[in-house]
Amino acid sequence: MFSLKKSEKKPYQFLAWFSTLSILIGALIASLAPELYLHHFFFMFGNGLLAITAFLWKENSLLVLNSGLFLIYVCGTYYEYV
């Protein structure tokens, strides 16, 4: 049955929202000016910070997802600039 108990907020909400904002800004830049290649840095920052937040929350699925995305963007940026 449904519980009427109010749910607790997870800690580190500021980190989660700040990284989400970074990823959204990166998506906006990728849509409007993909030739600048600046969006990868926003994605790296946002996914890296979300990976740290997932570690603090002990959420393994989010940790794997965001760590993987972070590494993909690092490799893509390395490939583009080296």
C-alpha atoms as a PDB file:
ATOM      1  CA  MET A   1       0.000   0.000   0.000  1.00  0.00           C
ATOM      2  CA  PHE A   2       1.013   3.609  -0.335  1.00  0.00           C
ATOM      3  CA  SER A   3       2.820   5.316   2.487  1.00  0.00           C
ATOM      4  CA  LEU A   4       1.816   8.802   3.568  1.00  0.00           C
ATOM      5  CA  LYS A   5       5.203   9.375   5.188  1.00  0.00           C
ATOM      6  CA  LYS A   6       7.111  12.295   3.688  1.00  0.00           C
ATOM      7  CA  SER A   7      10.203  11.172   1.791  1.00  0.00           C
ATOM      8  CA  GLU A   8      13.624  12.368   2.893  1.00  0.00           C
ATOM      9  CA  LYS A   9      15.751  14.445   0.543  1.00  0.00           C
ATOM     10  CA  LYS A  10      19.073  12.971  -0.411  1.00  0.00           C
ATOM     11  CA  PRO A  11      22.141  14.900   0.703  1.00  0.00           C
ATOM     12  CA  TYR A  12      24.358  16.767  -1.773  1.00  0.00           C
ATOM     13  CA  GLN A  13      21.398  18.082  -3.784  1.00  0.00           C
ATOM     14  CA  PHE A  14      23.401  21.184  -4.704  1.00  0.00           C
ATOM     15  CA  LEU A  15      26.030  19.024  -6.440  1.00  0.00           C
ATOM     16  CA  ALA A  16      23.372  17.098  -8.330  1.00  0.00           C
ATOM     17  CA  TRP A  17      21.564  20.236  -9.520  1.00  0.00           C
ATOM     18  CA  PHE A  18      24.804  22.059 -10.410  1.00  0.00           C
ATOM     19  CA  SER A  19      26.000  19.132 -12.520  1.00  0.00           C
ATOM     20  CA  THR A  20      22.579  18.809 -14.148  1.00  0.00           C
ATOM     21  CA  LEU A  21      22.721  22.490 -15.091  1.00  0.00           C
ATOM     22  CA  SER A  22      26.184  21.961 -16.590  1.00  0.00           C
ATOM     23  CA  ILE A  23      24.937  19.054 -18.711  1.00  0.00           C
ATOM     24  CA  LEU A  24      21.938  21.091 -19.912  1.00  0.00           C
ATOM     25  CA  ILE A  25      24.193  24.005 -20.879  1.00  0.00           C
ATOM     26  CA  GLY A  26      26.423  21.537 -22.725  1.00  0.00           C
ATOM     27  CA  ALA A  27      23.421  20.167 -24.607  1.00  0.00           C
ATOM     28  CA  LEU A  28      22.352  23.692 -25.532  1.00  0.00           C
ATOM     29  CA  ILE A  29      25.827  24.515 -26.858  1.00  0.00           C
ATOM     30  CA  ALA A  30      25.952  21.196 -28.751  1.00  0.00           C
ATOM     31  CA  SER A  31      22.647  22.061 -30.431  1.00  0.00           C
ATOM     32  CA  LEU A  32      23.381  25.689 -31.259  1.00  0.00           C
ATOM     33  CA  ALA A  33      27.131  25.705 -31.962  1.00  0.00           C
ATOM     34  CA  PRO A  34      28.528  22.168 -32.276  1.00  0.00           C
ATOM     35  CA  GLU A  35      31.529  23.396 -34.244  1.00  0.00           C
ATOM     36  CA  LEU A  36      32.890  25.111 -31.123  1.00  0.00           C
ATOM     37  CA  TYR A  37      33.392  21.720 -29.475  1.00  0.00           C
ATOM     38  CA  LEU A  38      32.924  23.492 -26.140  1.00  0.00           C
ATOM     39  CA  HIS A  39      30.042  21.273 -25.094  1.00  0.00           C
ATOM     40  CA  HIS A  40      32.360  18.361 -24.328  1.00  0.00           C
ATOM     41  CA  PHE A  41      33.869  20.309 -21.424  1.00  0.00           C
ATOM     42  CA  PHE A  42      30.431  21.000 -19.941  1.00  0.00           C
ATOM     43  CA  PHE A  43      29.539  17.320 -20.341  1.00  0.00           C
ATOM     44  CA  MET A  44      32.814  16.202 -18.745  1.00  0.00           C
ATOM     45  CA  PHE A  45      32.333  18.527 -15.787  1.00  0.00           C
ATOM     46  CA  GLY A  46      28.666  17.651 -15.305  1.00  0.00           C
ATOM     47  CA  ASN A  47      29.070  13.894 -15.628  1.00  0.00           C
ATOM     48  CA  GLY A  48      32.196  13.899 -13.471  1.00  0.00           C
ATOM     49  CA  LEU A  49      30.393  15.801 -10.744  1.00  0.00           C
ATOM     50  CA  LEU A  50      27.355  13.525 -11.035  1.00  0.00           C
ATOM     51  CA  ALA A  51      29.663  10.507 -10.715  1.00  0.00           C
ATOM     52  CA  ILE A  52      31.044  11.952  -7.475  1.00  0.00           C
ATOM     53  CA  THR A  53      27.508  12.644  -6.263  1.00  0.00           C
ATOM     54  CA  ALA A  54      26.441   9.083  -7.132  1.00  0.00           C
ATOM     55  CA  PHE A  55      29.402   7.761  -5.157  1.00  0.00           C
ATOM     56  CA  LEU A  56      28.368   9.861  -2.153  1.00  0.00           C
ATOM     57  CA  TRP A  57      24.797   8.572  -2.536  1.00  0.00           C
ATOM     58  CA  LYS A  58      26.015   4.968  -2.951  1.00  0.00           C
ATOM     59  CA  GLU A  59      24.040   4.681  -6.206  1.00  0.00           C
ATOM     60  CA  ASN A  60      26.094   2.239  -8.271  1.00  0.00           C
ATOM     61  CA  SER A  61      24.020   2.445 -11.454  1.00  0.00           C
ATOM     62  CA  LEU A  62      24.391   6.236 -11.604  1.00  0.00           C
ATOM     63  CA  LEU A  63      28.069   5.937 -10.728  1.00  0.00           C
ATOM     64  CA  VAL A  64      28.731   3.565 -13.635  1.00  0.00           C
ATOM     65  CA  LEU A  65      26.633   5.624 -16.067  1.00  0.00           C
ATOM     66  CA  ASN A  66      28.220   8.970 -15.277  1.00  0.00           C
ATOM     67  CA  SER A  67      31.764   7.612 -14.946  1.00  0.00           C
ATOM     68  CA  GLY A  68      31.352   5.951 -18.338  1.00  0.00           C
ATOM     69  CA  LEU A  69      30.053   9.127 -19.946  1.00  0.00           C
ATOM     70  CA  PHE A  70      32.868  11.132 -18.353  1.00  0.00           C
ATOM     71  CA  LEU A  71      35.468   8.756 -19.824  1.00  0.00           C
ATOM     72  CA  ILE A  72      33.804   8.823 -23.244  1.00  0.00           C
ATOM     73  CA  TYR A  73      33.982  12.628 -23.330  1.00  0.00           C
ATOM     74  CA  VAL A  74      37.594  12.619 -22.103  1.00  0.00           C
ATOM     75  CA  CYS A  75      38.561  10.185 -24.890  1.00  0.00           C
ATOM     76  CA  GLY A  76      36.657  12.194 -27.491  1.00  0.00           C
ATOM     77  CA  THR A  77      38.274  15.438 -26.407  1.00  0.00           C
ATOM     78  CA  TYR A  78      41.714  13.835 -26.337  1.00  0.00           C
ATOM     79  CA  TYR A  79      41.136  12.459 -29.859  1.00  0.00           C
ATOM     80  CA  GLU A  80      40.039  15.891 -31.129  1.00  0.00           C
ATOM     81  CA  TYR A  81      42.907  17.908 -29.660  1.00  0.00           C
ATOM     82  CA  VAL A  82      45.860  15.471 -29.890  1.00  0.00           C
END
